């Protein structure tokens, strides 16, 4: 998959998701929308507790994307947990693989020429 997207600067994955977050000590479905991944960021556009929201998470700062295979990906940001549940069973692994590759691309050191 990495070789497939390495040369495609416009590579993007997007899908419908259900957003689950903590309310007290329980994980609760709080919204739905679309999750998009590109080289620069994960973007959630949809609802969260009856509010329209737009969340952006930089790929440069998310080294690992925890995944429940066949179910969801999780983003931990600023002491908050965002779980994005997907209906298409292979997409959580695809998001995780692509996102971790984008993290490495954003954080690799350029080779110095002497």
PDB file of N, CA and C in Angstrom:
ATOM      1  N   UNK A   1       0.826  -1.188   0.000  1.00  0.00           N
ATOM      2  CA  UNK A   1       0.000   0.000   0.000  1.00  0.00           C
ATOM      3  C   UNK A   1       0.872   1.255   0.000  1.00  0.00           C
ATOM      4  N   UNK A   2       1.988   1.201   0.746  1.00  0.00           N
ATOM      5  CA  UNK A   2       2.862   2.368   0.804  1.00  0.00           C
ATOM      6  C   UNK A   2       3.398   2.723  -0.569  1.00  0.00           C
ATOM      7  N   UNK A   3       3.802   1.723  -1.354  1.00  0.00           N
ATOM      8  CA  UNK A   3       4.319   2.028  -2.686  1.00  0.00           C
ATOM      9  C   UNK A   3       3.219   2.593  -3.587  1.00  0.00           C
ATOM     10  N   UNK A   4       1.993   2.163  -3.352  1.00  0.00           N
ATOM     11  CA  UNK A   4       0.860   2.669  -4.131  1.00  0.00           C
ATOM     12  C   UNK A   4       0.638   4.167  -3.901  1.00  0.00           C
ATOM     13  N   UNK A   5       0.801   4.622  -2.651  1.00  0.00           N
ATOM     14  CA  UNK A   5       0.501   6.022  -2.338  1.00  0.00           C
ATOM     15  C   UNK A   5       1.730   6.923  -2.263  1.00  0.00           C
ATOM     16  N   UNK A   6       2.931   6.348  -2.313  1.00  0.00           N
ATOM     17  CA  UNK A   6       4.160   7.127  -2.134  1.00  0.00           C
ATOM     18  C   UNK A   6       4.286   8.272  -3.143  1.00  0.00           C
ATOM     19  N   UNK A   7       3.927   8.018  -4.374  1.00  0.00           N
ATOM     20  CA  UNK A   7       4.104   9.034  -5.416  1.00  0.00           C
ATOM     21  C   UNK A   7       2.837   9.818  -5.717  1.00  0.00           C
ATOM     22  N   UNK A   8       1.776   9.557  -4.981  1.00  0.00           N
ATOM     23  CA  UNK A   8       0.497  10.232  -5.222  1.00  0.00           C
ATOM     24  C   UNK A   8       0.273  11.296  -4.143  1.00  0.00           C
ATOM     25  N   UNK A   9       0.679  12.534  -4.442  1.00  0.00           N
ATOM     26  CA  UNK A   9       0.554  13.625  -3.461  1.00  0.00           C
ATOM     27  C   UNK A   9      -0.885  13.957  -3.104  1.00  0.00           C
ATOM     28  N   UNK A  10      -1.820  13.525  -3.918  1.00  0.00           N
ATOM     29  CA  UNK A  10      -3.226  13.847  -3.636  1.00  0.00           C
ATOM     30  C   UNK A  10      -3.982  12.649  -3.064  1.00  0.00           C
ATOM     31  N   UNK A  11      -3.264  11.606  -2.616  1.00  0.00           N
ATOM     32  CA  UNK A  11      -3.923  10.416  -2.081  1.00  0.00           C
ATOM     33  C   UNK A  11      -4.796  10.790  -0.892  1.00  0.00           C
ATOM     34  N   UNK A  12      -6.041  10.341  -0.930  1.00  0.00           N
ATOM     35  CA  UNK A  12      -7.022  10.637   0.112  1.00  0.00           C
ATOM     36  C   UNK A  12      -7.910   9.420   0.325  1.00  0.00           C
ATOM     37  N   UNK A  13      -8.264   9.176   1.581  1.00  0.00           N
ATOM     38  CA  UNK A  13      -9.282   8.175   1.917  1.00  0.00           C
ATOM     39  C   UNK A  13     -10.382   8.932   2.658  1.00  0.00           C
ATOM     40  N   UNK A  14     -11.619   8.632   2.344  1.00  0.00           N
ATOM     41  CA  UNK A  14     -12.732   9.253   3.066  1.00  0.00           C
ATOM     42  C   UNK A  14     -13.853   8.235   3.226  1.00  0.00           C
ATOM     43  N   UNK A  15     -14.540   8.299   4.356  1.00  0.00           N
ATOM     44  CA  UNK A  15     -15.643   7.379   4.598  1.00  0.00           C
ATOM     45  C   UNK A  15     -16.593   7.965   5.641  1.00  0.00           C
ATOM     46  N   UNK A  16     -17.798   7.459   5.633  1.00  0.00           N
ATOM     47  CA  UNK A  16     -18.776   7.811   6.669  1.00  0.00           C
ATOM     48  C   UNK A  16     -18.389   7.112   7.959  1.00  0.00           C
ATOM     49  N   UNK A  17     -18.564   7.817   9.078  1.00  0.00           N
ATOM     50  CA  UNK A  17     -18.208   7.255  10.386  1.00  0.00           C
ATOM     51  C   UNK A  17     -19.248   7.630  11.432  1.00  0.00           C
ATOM     52  N   UNK A  18     -19.234   6.848  12.504  1.00  0.00           N
ATOM     53  CA  UNK A  18     -19.972   7.173  13.717  1.00  0.00           C
ATOM     54  C   UNK A  18     -18.930   7.554  14.757  1.00  0.00           C
ATOM     55  N   UNK A  19     -19.111   8.695  15.411  1.00  0.00           N
ATOM     56  CA  UNK A  19     -18.159   9.187  16.402  1.00  0.00           C
ATOM     57  C   UNK A  19     -18.564   8.725  17.791  1.00  0.00           C
ATOM     58  N   UNK A  20     -17.613   8.119  18.515  1.00  0.00           N
ATOM     59  CA  UNK A  20     -17.836   7.654  19.882  1.00  0.00           C
ATOM     60  C   UNK A  20     -16.804   8.338  20.771  1.00  0.00           C
ATOM     61  N   UNK A  21     -17.277   8.903  21.894  1.00  0.00           N
ATOM     62  CA  UNK A  21     -16.387   9.592  22.844  1.00  0.00           C
ATOM     63  C   UNK A  21     -16.840   9.274  24.260  1.00  0.00           C
ATOM     64  N   UNK A  22     -15.979   9.612  25.194  1.00  0.00           N
ATOM     65  CA  UNK A  22     -16.327   9.410  26.601  1.00  0.00           C
ATOM     66  C   UNK A  22     -17.341  10.449  27.061  1.00  0.00           C
ATOM     67  N   UNK A  23     -18.335   9.966  27.792  1.00  0.00           N
ATOM     68  CA  UNK A  23     -19.232  10.820  28.560  1.00  0.00           C
ATOM     69  C   UNK A  23     -19.209  10.225  29.957  1.00  0.00           C
ATOM     70  N   UNK A  24     -18.552  10.923  30.875  1.00  0.00           N
ATOM     71  CA  UNK A  24     -18.300  10.338  32.187  1.00  0.00           C
ATOM     72  C   UNK A  24     -17.312   9.197  32.015  1.00  0.00           C
ATOM     73  N   UNK A  25     -17.673   8.022  32.523  1.00  0.00           N
ATOM     74  CA  UNK A  25     -16.804   6.848  32.399  1.00  0.00           C
ATOM     75  C   UNK A  25     -17.202   5.915  31.270  1.00  0.00           C
ATOM     76  N   UNK A  26     -18.196   6.307  30.468  1.00  0.00           N
ATOM     77  CA  UNK A  26     -18.714   5.439  29.414  1.00  0.00           C
ATOM     78  C   UNK A  26     -18.412   5.981  28.033  1.00  0.00           C
ATOM     79  N   UNK A  27     -18.131   5.063  27.109  1.00  0.00           N
ATOM     80  CA  UNK A  27     -18.013   5.439  25.702  1.00  0.00           C
ATOM     81  C   UNK A  27     -19.409   5.446  25.104  1.00  0.00           C
ATOM     82  N   UNK A  28     -19.757   6.561  24.449  1.00  0.00           N
ATOM     83  CA  UNK A  28     -21.104   6.758  23.931  1.00  0.00           C
ATOM     84  C   UNK A  28     -21.016   7.306  22.510  1.00  0.00           C
ATOM     85  N   UNK A  29     -21.894   6.831  21.631  1.00  0.00           N
ATOM     86  CA  UNK A  29     -21.969   7.406  20.289  1.00  0.00           C
ATOM     87  C   UNK A  29     -22.527   8.823  20.405  1.00  0.00           C
ATOM     88  N   UNK A  30     -21.762   9.802  19.932  1.00  0.00           N
ATOM     89  CA  UNK A  30     -22.154  11.207  20.094  1.00  0.00           C
ATOM     90  C   UNK A  30     -22.391  11.926  18.772  1.00  0.00           C
ATOM     91  N   UNK A  31     -22.110  11.252  17.643  1.00  0.00           N
ATOM     92  CA  UNK A  31     -22.314  11.919  16.366  1.00  0.00           C
ATOM     93  C   UNK A  31     -21.996  11.030  15.189  1.00  0.00           C
ATOM     94  N   UNK A  32     -22.147  11.625  14.023  1.00  0.00           N
ATOM     95  CA  UNK A  32     -21.788  10.932  12.783  1.00  0.00           C
ATOM     96  C   UNK A  32     -21.352  11.969  11.765  1.00  0.00           C
ATOM     97  N   UNK A  33     -20.572  11.514  10.801  1.00  0.00           N
ATOM     98  CA  UNK A  33     -20.064  12.422   9.775  1.00  0.00           C
ATOM     99  C   UNK A  33     -19.133  11.689   8.842  1.00  0.00           C
ATOM    100  N   UNK A  34     -18.090  12.413   8.369  1.00  0.00           N
ATOM    101  CA  UNK A  34     -17.124  11.841   7.442  1.00  0.00           C
ATOM    102  C   UNK A  34     -15.726  12.025   8.002  1.00  0.00           C
ATOM    103  N   UNK A  35     -14.923  10.979   7.874  1.00  0.00           N
ATOM    104  CA  UNK A  35     -13.521  11.059   8.238  1.00  0.00           C
ATOM    105  C   UNK A  35     -12.709  10.971   6.960  1.00  0.00           C
ATOM    106  N   UNK A  36     -11.802  11.922   6.793  1.00  0.00           N
ATOM    107  CA  UNK A  36     -10.941  11.983   5.616  1.00  0.00           C
ATOM    108  C   UNK A  36      -9.496  11.981   6.082  1.00  0.00           C
ATOM    109  N   UNK A  37      -8.648  11.277   5.365  1.00  0.00           N
ATOM    110  CA  UNK A  37      -7.214  11.263   5.617  1.00  0.00           C
ATOM    111  C   UNK A  37      -6.500  11.672   4.346  1.00  0.00           C
ATOM    112  N   UNK A  38      -5.611  12.658   4.472  1.00  0.00           N
ATOM    113  CA  UNK A  38      -4.704  12.997   3.384  1.00  0.00           C
ATOM    114  C   UNK A  38      -3.297  13.078   3.961  1.00  0.00           C
ATOM    115  N   UNK A  39      -2.321  13.474   3.194  1.00  0.00           N
ATOM    116  CA  UNK A  39      -0.936  13.495   3.671  1.00  0.00           C
ATOM    117  C   UNK A  39      -0.751  14.373   4.905  1.00  0.00           C
ATOM    118  N   UNK A  40      -1.561  15.407   5.039  1.00  0.00           N
ATOM    119  CA  UNK A  40      -1.350  16.391   6.096  1.00  0.00           C
ATOM    120  C   UNK A  40      -2.177  16.182   7.348  1.00  0.00           C
ATOM    121  N   UNK A  41      -3.385  15.630   7.188  1.00  0.00           N
ATOM    122  CA  UNK A  41      -4.249  15.570   8.361  1.00  0.00           C
ATOM    123  C   UNK A  41      -5.394  14.579   8.217  1.00  0.00           C
ATOM    124  N   UNK A  42      -5.921  14.228   9.395  1.00  0.00           N
ATOM    125  CA  UNK A  42      -7.200  13.536   9.500  1.00  0.00           C
ATOM    126  C   UNK A  42      -8.222  14.642   9.714  1.00  0.00           C
ATOM    127  N   UNK A  43      -9.338  14.579   9.008  1.00  0.00           N
ATOM    128  CA  UNK A  43     -10.371  15.615   9.127  1.00  0.00           C
ATOM    129  C   UNK A  43     -11.700  14.919   9.417  1.00  0.00           C
ATOM    130  N   UNK A  44     -12.312  15.292  10.535  1.00  0.00           N
ATOM    131  CA  UNK A  44     -13.657  14.815  10.835  1.00  0.00           C
ATOM    132  C   UNK A  44     -14.603  15.988  10.661  1.00  0.00           C
ATOM    133  N   UNK A  45     -15.592  15.792   9.808  1.00  0.00           N
ATOM    134  CA  UNK A  45     -16.617  16.810   9.596  1.00  0.00           C
ATOM    135  C   UNK A  45     -17.963  16.146   9.828  1.00  0.00           C
ATOM    136  N   UNK A  46     -18.683  16.660  10.826  1.00  0.00           N
ATOM    137  CA  UNK A  46     -19.959  16.044  11.151  1.00  0.00           C
ATOM    138  C   UNK A  46     -20.513  16.601  12.438  1.00  0.00           C
ATOM    139  N   UNK A  47     -21.142  15.716  13.219  1.00  0.00           N
ATOM    140  CA  UNK A  47     -21.770  16.168  14.456  1.00  0.00           C
ATOM    141  C   UNK A  47     -21.056  15.587  15.664  1.00  0.00           C
ATOM    142  N   UNK A  48     -21.171  16.297  16.762  1.00  0.00           N
ATOM    143  CA  UNK A  48     -20.667  15.861  18.064  1.00  0.00           C
ATOM    144  C   UNK A  48     -21.594  16.477  19.102  1.00  0.00           C
ATOM    145  N   UNK A  49     -22.384  15.632  19.749  1.00  0.00           N
ATOM    146  CA  UNK A  49     -23.350  16.089  20.756  1.00  0.00           C
ATOM    147  C   UNK A  49     -24.265  17.189  20.206  1.00  0.00           C
ATOM    148  N   UNK A  50     -24.876  16.922  19.067  1.00  0.00           N
ATOM    149  CA  UNK A  50     -25.849  17.822  18.424  1.00  0.00           C
ATOM    150  C   UNK A  50     -25.251  19.154  17.956  1.00  0.00           C
ATOM    151  N   UNK A  51     -23.942  19.226  17.836  1.00  0.00           N
ATOM    152  CA  UNK A  51     -23.283  20.428  17.290  1.00  0.00           C
ATOM    153  C   UNK A  51     -22.566  20.022  16.008  1.00  0.00           C
ATOM    154  N   UNK A  52     -22.587  20.896  15.002  1.00  0.00           N
ATOM    155  CA  UNK A  52     -21.777  20.668  13.813  1.00  0.00           C
ATOM    156  C   UNK A  52     -20.341  21.030  14.139  1.00  0.00           C
ATOM    157  N   UNK A  53     -19.413  20.114  13.827  1.00  0.00           N
ATOM    158  CA  UNK A  53     -18.013  20.323  14.184  1.00  0.00           C
ATOM    159  C   UNK A  53     -17.100  19.998  13.005  1.00  0.00           C
ATOM    160  N   UNK A  54     -15.890  20.522  13.099  1.00  0.00           N
ATOM    161  CA  UNK A  54     -14.814  20.204  12.164  1.00  0.00           C
ATOM    162  C   UNK A  54     -13.562  20.000  13.010  1.00  0.00           C
ATOM    163  N   UNK A  55     -13.099  18.757  13.079  1.00  0.00           N
ATOM    164  CA  UNK A  55     -11.893  18.439  13.850  1.00  0.00           C
ATOM    165  C   UNK A  55     -10.777  18.119  12.870  1.00  0.00           C
ATOM    166  N   UNK A  56      -9.585  18.663  13.153  1.00  0.00           N
ATOM    167  CA  UNK A  56      -8.409  18.395  12.329  1.00  0.00           C
ATOM    168  C   UNK A  56      -7.294  17.873  13.228  1.00  0.00           C
ATOM    169  N   UNK A  57      -6.645  16.803  12.771  1.00  0.00           N
ATOM    170  CA  UNK A  57      -5.548  16.186  13.512  1.00  0.00           C
ATOM    171  C   UNK A  57      -4.391  16.012  12.534  1.00  0.00           C
ATOM    172  N   UNK A  58      -3.259  16.616  12.817  1.00  0.00           N
ATOM    173  CA  UNK A  58      -2.108  16.573  11.914  1.00  0.00           C
ATOM    174  C   UNK A  58      -1.481  15.183  11.880  1.00  0.00           C
ATOM    175  N   UNK A  59      -1.220  14.663  10.675  1.00  0.00           N
ATOM    176  CA  UNK A  59      -0.555  13.362  10.561  1.00  0.00           C
ATOM    177  C   UNK A  59       0.851  13.420  11.153  1.00  0.00           C
ATOM    178  N   UNK A  60       1.464  14.581  11.139  1.00  0.00           N
ATOM    179  CA  UNK A  60       2.811  14.744  11.679  1.00  0.00           C
ATOM    180  C   UNK A  60       2.871  14.445  13.176  1.00  0.00           C
ATOM    181  N   UNK A  61       1.745  14.583  13.876  1.00  0.00           N
ATOM    182  CA  UNK A  61       1.753  14.393  15.328  1.00  0.00           C
ATOM    183  C   UNK A  61       1.110  13.078  15.782  1.00  0.00           C
ATOM    184  N   UNK A  62       0.636  12.248  14.844  1.00  0.00           N
ATOM    185  CA  UNK A  62      -0.008  10.987  15.218  1.00  0.00           C
ATOM    186  C   UNK A  62       0.838   9.833  14.687  1.00  0.00           C
ATOM    187  N   UNK A  63       1.716   9.331  15.566  1.00  0.00           N
ATOM    188  CA  UNK A  63       2.660   8.288  15.159  1.00  0.00           C
ATOM    189  C   UNK A  63       1.958   6.960  14.904  1.00  0.00           C
ATOM    190  N   UNK A  64       1.059   6.579  15.812  1.00  0.00           N
ATOM    191  CA  UNK A  64       0.330   5.324  15.683  1.00  0.00           C
ATOM    192  C   UNK A  64      -1.158   5.604  15.743  1.00  0.00           C
ATOM    193  N   UNK A  65      -1.904   4.890  14.932  1.00  0.00           N
ATOM    194  CA  UNK A  65      -3.355   5.025  14.927  1.00  0.00           C
ATOM    195  C   UNK A  65      -3.931   3.704  15.440  1.00  0.00           C
ATOM    196  N   UNK A  66      -4.281   3.632  16.740  1.00  0.00           N
ATOM    197  CA  UNK A  66      -4.862   2.386  17.244  1.00  0.00           C
ATOM    198  C   UNK A  66      -6.104   2.017  16.441  1.00  0.00           C
ATOM    199  N   UNK A  67      -6.278   0.723  16.243  1.00  0.00           N
ATOM    200  CA  UNK A  67      -7.366   0.247  15.403  1.00  0.00           C
ATOM    201  C   UNK A  67      -7.987  -1.000  16.036  1.00  0.00           C
ATOM    202  N   UNK A  68      -9.294  -1.072  15.995  1.00  0.00           N
ATOM    203  CA  UNK A  68     -10.010  -2.309  16.275  1.00  0.00           C
ATOM    204  C   UNK A  68     -10.373  -2.863  14.899  1.00  0.00           C
ATOM    205  N   UNK A  69      -9.667  -3.927  14.514  1.00  0.00           N
ATOM    206  CA  UNK A  69      -9.800  -4.450  13.151  1.00  0.00           C
ATOM    207  C   UNK A  69     -11.265  -4.724  12.833  1.00  0.00           C
ATOM    208  N   UNK A  70     -11.699  -4.201  11.703  1.00  0.00           N
ATOM    209  CA  UNK A  70     -13.068  -4.401  11.251  1.00  0.00           C
ATOM    210  C   UNK A  70     -14.074  -3.482  11.903  1.00  0.00           C
ATOM    211  N   UNK A  71     -13.608  -2.554  12.750  1.00  0.00           N
ATOM    212  CA  UNK A  71     -14.567  -1.722  13.480  1.00  0.00           C
ATOM    213  C   UNK A  71     -14.220  -0.233  13.448  1.00  0.00           C
ATOM    214  N   UNK A  72     -13.087   0.158  14.072  1.00  0.00           N
ATOM    215  CA  UNK A  72     -12.837   1.585  14.248  1.00  0.00           C
ATOM    216  C   UNK A  72     -11.351   1.911  14.297  1.00  0.00           C
ATOM    217  N   UNK A  73     -11.071   3.213  14.169  1.00  0.00           N
ATOM    218  CA  UNK A  73      -9.753   3.775  14.470  1.00  0.00           C
ATOM    219  C   UNK A  73      -9.946   4.768  15.602  1.00  0.00           C
ATOM    220  N   UNK A  74      -8.857   4.993  16.349  1.00  0.00           N
ATOM    221  CA  UNK A  74      -8.933   5.879  17.510  1.00  0.00           C
ATOM    222  C   UNK A  74      -7.855   6.942  17.406  1.00  0.00           C
ATOM    223  N   UNK A  75      -8.243   8.161  17.674  1.00  0.00           N
ATOM    224  CA  UNK A  75      -7.295   9.265  17.722  1.00  0.00           C
ATOM    225  C   UNK A  75      -7.324   9.831  19.133  1.00  0.00           C
ATOM    226  N   UNK A  76      -6.130   9.938  19.715  1.00  0.00           N
ATOM    227  CA  UNK A  76      -5.978  10.522  21.048  1.00  0.00           C
ATOM    228  C   UNK A  76      -5.363  11.898  20.848  1.00  0.00           C
ATOM    229  N   UNK A  77      -6.072  12.930  21.281  1.00  0.00           N
ATOM    230  CA  UNK A  77      -5.605  14.299  21.068  1.00  0.00           C
ATOM    231  C   UNK A  77      -5.977  15.140  22.279  1.00  0.00           C
ATOM    232  N   UNK A  78      -4.984  15.787  22.862  1.00  0.00           N
ATOM    233  CA  UNK A  78      -5.225  16.709  23.971  1.00  0.00           C
ATOM    234  C   UNK A  78      -6.057  16.058  25.081  1.00  0.00           C
ATOM    235  N   UNK A  79      -5.661  14.842  25.470  1.00  0.00           N
ATOM    236  CA  UNK A  79      -6.327  14.078  26.544  1.00  0.00           C
ATOM    237  C   UNK A  79      -7.766  13.690  26.221  1.00  0.00           C
ATOM    238  N   UNK A  80      -8.111  13.696  24.952  1.00  0.00           N
ATOM    239  CA  UNK A  80      -9.442  13.273  24.510  1.00  0.00           C
ATOM    240  C   UNK A  80      -9.297  12.042  23.613  1.00  0.00           C
ATOM    241  N   UNK A  81     -10.308  11.177  23.638  1.00  0.00           N
ATOM    242  CA  UNK A  81     -10.345  10.003  22.781  1.00  0.00           C
ATOM    243  C   UNK A  81     -11.468  10.188  21.761  1.00  0.00           C
ATOM    244  N   UNK A  82     -11.125   9.978  20.502  1.00  0.00           N
ATOM    245  CA  UNK A  82     -12.101  10.030  19.414  1.00  0.00           C
ATOM    246  C   UNK A  82     -12.072   8.663  18.736  1.00  0.00           C
ATOM    247  N   UNK A  83     -13.171   7.951  18.773  1.00  0.00           N
ATOM    248  CA  UNK A  83     -13.259   6.665  18.090  1.00  0.00           C
ATOM    249  C   UNK A  83     -14.177   6.839  16.893  1.00  0.00           C
ATOM    250  N   UNK A  84     -13.668   6.446  15.744  1.00  0.00           N
ATOM    251  CA  UNK A  84     -14.413   6.584  14.491  1.00  0.00           C
ATOM    252  C   UNK A  84     -14.756   5.189  13.977  1.00  0.00           C
ATOM    253  N   UNK A  85     -16.039   4.823  14.086  1.00  0.00           N
ATOM    254  CA  UNK A  85     -16.522   3.516  13.651  1.00  0.00           C
ATOM    255  C   UNK A  85     -16.907   3.567  12.184  1.00  0.00           C
ATOM    256  N   UNK A  86     -16.445   2.555  11.436  1.00  0.00           N
ATOM    257  CA  UNK A  86     -16.657   2.490   9.992  1.00  0.00           C
ATOM    258  C   UNK A  86     -17.436   1.235   9.642  1.00  0.00           C
ATOM    259  N   UNK A  87     -18.335   1.340   8.677  1.00  0.00           N
ATOM    260  CA  UNK A  87     -19.125   0.183   8.261  1.00  0.00           C
ATOM    261  C   UNK A  87     -18.326  -0.757   7.352  1.00  0.00           C
ATOM    262  N   UNK A  88     -17.391  -0.222   6.577  1.00  0.00           N
ATOM    263  CA  UNK A  88     -16.589  -1.052   5.680  1.00  0.00           C
ATOM    264  C   UNK A  88     -15.448  -1.667   6.492  1.00  0.00           C
ATOM    265  N   UNK A  89     -15.447  -2.974   6.608  1.00  0.00           N
ATOM    266  CA  UNK A  89     -14.591  -3.686   7.561  1.00  0.00           C
ATOM    267  C   UNK A  89     -13.095  -3.505   7.327  1.00  0.00           C
ATOM    268  N   UNK A  90     -12.640  -3.323   6.082  1.00  0.00           N
ATOM    269  CA  UNK A  90     -11.203  -3.208   5.831  1.00  0.00           C
ATOM    270  C   UNK A  90     -10.677  -1.782   6.021  1.00  0.00           C
ATOM    271  N   UNK A  91     -11.552  -0.791   6.108  1.00  0.00           N
ATOM    272  CA  UNK A  91     -11.096   0.600   6.157  1.00  0.00           C
ATOM    273  C   UNK A  91     -10.310   0.977   7.418  1.00  0.00           C
ATOM    274  N   UNK A  92     -10.634   0.475   8.603  1.00  0.00           N
ATOM    275  CA  UNK A  92      -9.806   0.854   9.750  1.00  0.00           C
ATOM    276  C   UNK A  92      -8.316   0.517   9.554  1.00  0.00           C
ATOM    277  N   UNK A  93      -8.023  -0.655   9.023  1.00  0.00           N
ATOM    278  CA  UNK A  93      -6.627  -1.030   8.788  1.00  0.00           C
ATOM    279  C   UNK A  93      -6.020  -0.162   7.691  1.00  0.00           C
ATOM    280  N   UNK A  94      -6.795   0.158   6.677  1.00  0.00           N
ATOM    281  CA  UNK A  94      -6.297   1.016   5.591  1.00  0.00           C
ATOM    282  C   UNK A  94      -5.972   2.418   6.123  1.00  0.00           C
ATOM    283  N   UNK A  95      -6.852   2.985   6.942  1.00  0.00           N
ATOM    284  CA  UNK A  95      -6.587   4.293   7.551  1.00  0.00           C
ATOM    285  C   UNK A  95      -5.324   4.233   8.407  1.00  0.00           C
ATOM    286  N   UNK A  96      -5.189   3.185   9.215  1.00  0.00           N
ATOM    287  CA  UNK A  96      -4.043   3.050  10.096  1.00  0.00           C
ATOM    288  C   UNK A  96      -2.739   2.936   9.304  1.00  0.00           C
ATOM    289  N   UNK A  97      -2.725   2.089   8.306  1.00  0.00           N
ATOM    290  CA  UNK A  97      -1.515   1.888   7.499  1.00  0.00           C
ATOM    291  C   UNK A  97      -1.120   3.166   6.783  1.00  0.00           C
ATOM    292  N   UNK A  98      -2.073   3.813   6.134  1.00  0.00           N
ATOM    293  CA  UNK A  98      -1.778   5.049   5.406  1.00  0.00           C
ATOM    294  C   UNK A  98      -1.372   6.163   6.358  1.00  0.00           C
ATOM    295  N   UNK A  99      -2.068   6.300   7.473  1.00  0.00           N
ATOM    296  CA  UNK A  99      -1.762   7.365   8.426  1.00  0.00           C
ATOM    297  C   UNK A  99      -0.379   7.232   9.026  1.00  0.00           C
ATOM    298  N   UNK A 100       0.019   6.013   9.372  1.00  0.00           N
ATOM    299  CA  UNK A 100       1.347   5.803   9.934  1.00  0.00           C
ATOM    300  C   UNK A 100       2.434   6.043   8.889  1.00  0.00           C
ATOM    301  N   UNK A 101       2.155   5.722   7.631  1.00  0.00           N
ATOM    302  CA  UNK A 101       3.087   6.021   6.546  1.00  0.00           C
ATOM    303  C   UNK A 101       3.226   7.535   6.374  1.00  0.00           C
ATOM    304  N   UNK A 102       2.108   8.250   6.402  1.00  0.00           N
ATOM    305  CA  UNK A 102       2.165   9.711   6.288  1.00  0.00           C
ATOM    306  C   UNK A 102       2.930  10.325   7.458  1.00  0.00           C
ATOM    307  N   UNK A 103       2.773   9.765   8.658  1.00  0.00           N
ATOM    308  CA  UNK A 103       3.536  10.235   9.818  1.00  0.00           C
ATOM    309  C   UNK A 103       5.036  10.112   9.535  1.00  0.00           C
ATOM    310  N   UNK A 104       5.455   8.952   9.042  1.00  0.00           N
ATOM    311  CA  UNK A 104       6.882   8.756   8.751  1.00  0.00           C
ATOM    312  C   UNK A 104       7.364   9.732   7.683  1.00  0.00           C
ATOM    313  N   UNK A 105       6.567   9.952   6.641  1.00  0.00           N
ATOM    314  CA  UNK A 105       6.955  10.899   5.597  1.00  0.00           C
ATOM    315  C   UNK A 105       7.126  12.309   6.160  1.00  0.00           C
ATOM    316  N   UNK A 106       6.227  12.703   7.061  1.00  0.00           N
ATOM    317  CA  UNK A 106       6.268  14.063   7.624  1.00  0.00           C
ATOM    318  C   UNK A 106       7.430  14.243   8.597  1.00  0.00           C
ATOM    319  N   UNK A 107       7.912  13.164   9.189  1.00  0.00           N
ATOM    320  CA  UNK A 107       8.908  13.276  10.243  1.00  0.00           C
ATOM    321  C   UNK A 107      10.299  12.766   9.866  1.00  0.00           C
ATOM    322  N   UNK A 108      10.446  12.262   8.641  1.00  0.00           N
ATOM    323  CA  UNK A 108      11.780  11.781   8.283  1.00  0.00           C
ATOM    324  C   UNK A 108      12.703  12.963   8.020  1.00  0.00           C
ATOM    325  N   UNK A 109      13.939  12.773   8.382  1.00  0.00           N
ATOM    326  CA  UNK A 109      14.937  13.828   8.212  1.00  0.00           C
ATOM    327  C   UNK A 109      15.432  13.833   6.770  1.00  0.00           C
ATOM    328  N   UNK A 110      15.538  15.027   6.151  1.00  0.00           N
ATOM    329  CA  UNK A 110      16.078  15.068   4.803  1.00  0.00           C
ATOM    330  C   UNK A 110      17.553  14.649   4.798  1.00  0.00           C
ATOM    331  N   UNK A 111      17.966  13.996   3.736  1.00  0.00           N
ATOM    332  CA  UNK A 111      19.361  13.570   3.610  1.00  0.00           C
ATOM    333  C   UNK A 111      20.209  14.777   3.270  1.00  0.00           C
ATOM    334  N   UNK A 112      21.273  14.979   4.068  1.00  0.00           N
ATOM    335  CA  UNK A 112      22.166  16.120   3.819  1.00  0.00           C
ATOM    336  C   UNK A 112      23.164  15.761   2.743  1.00  0.00           C
ATOM    337  N   UNK A 113      23.393  16.699   1.839  1.00  0.00           N
ATOM    338  CA  UNK A 113      24.373  16.492   0.779  1.00  0.00           C
ATOM    339  C   UNK A 113      25.661  17.191   1.177  1.00  0.00           C
ATOM    340  N   UNK A 114      26.778  16.490   0.971  1.00  0.00           N
ATOM    341  CA  UNK A 114      28.084  17.062   1.333  1.00  0.00           C
ATOM    342  C   UNK A 114      28.850  17.431   0.105  1.00  0.00           C
TER     343      UNK A 114
END
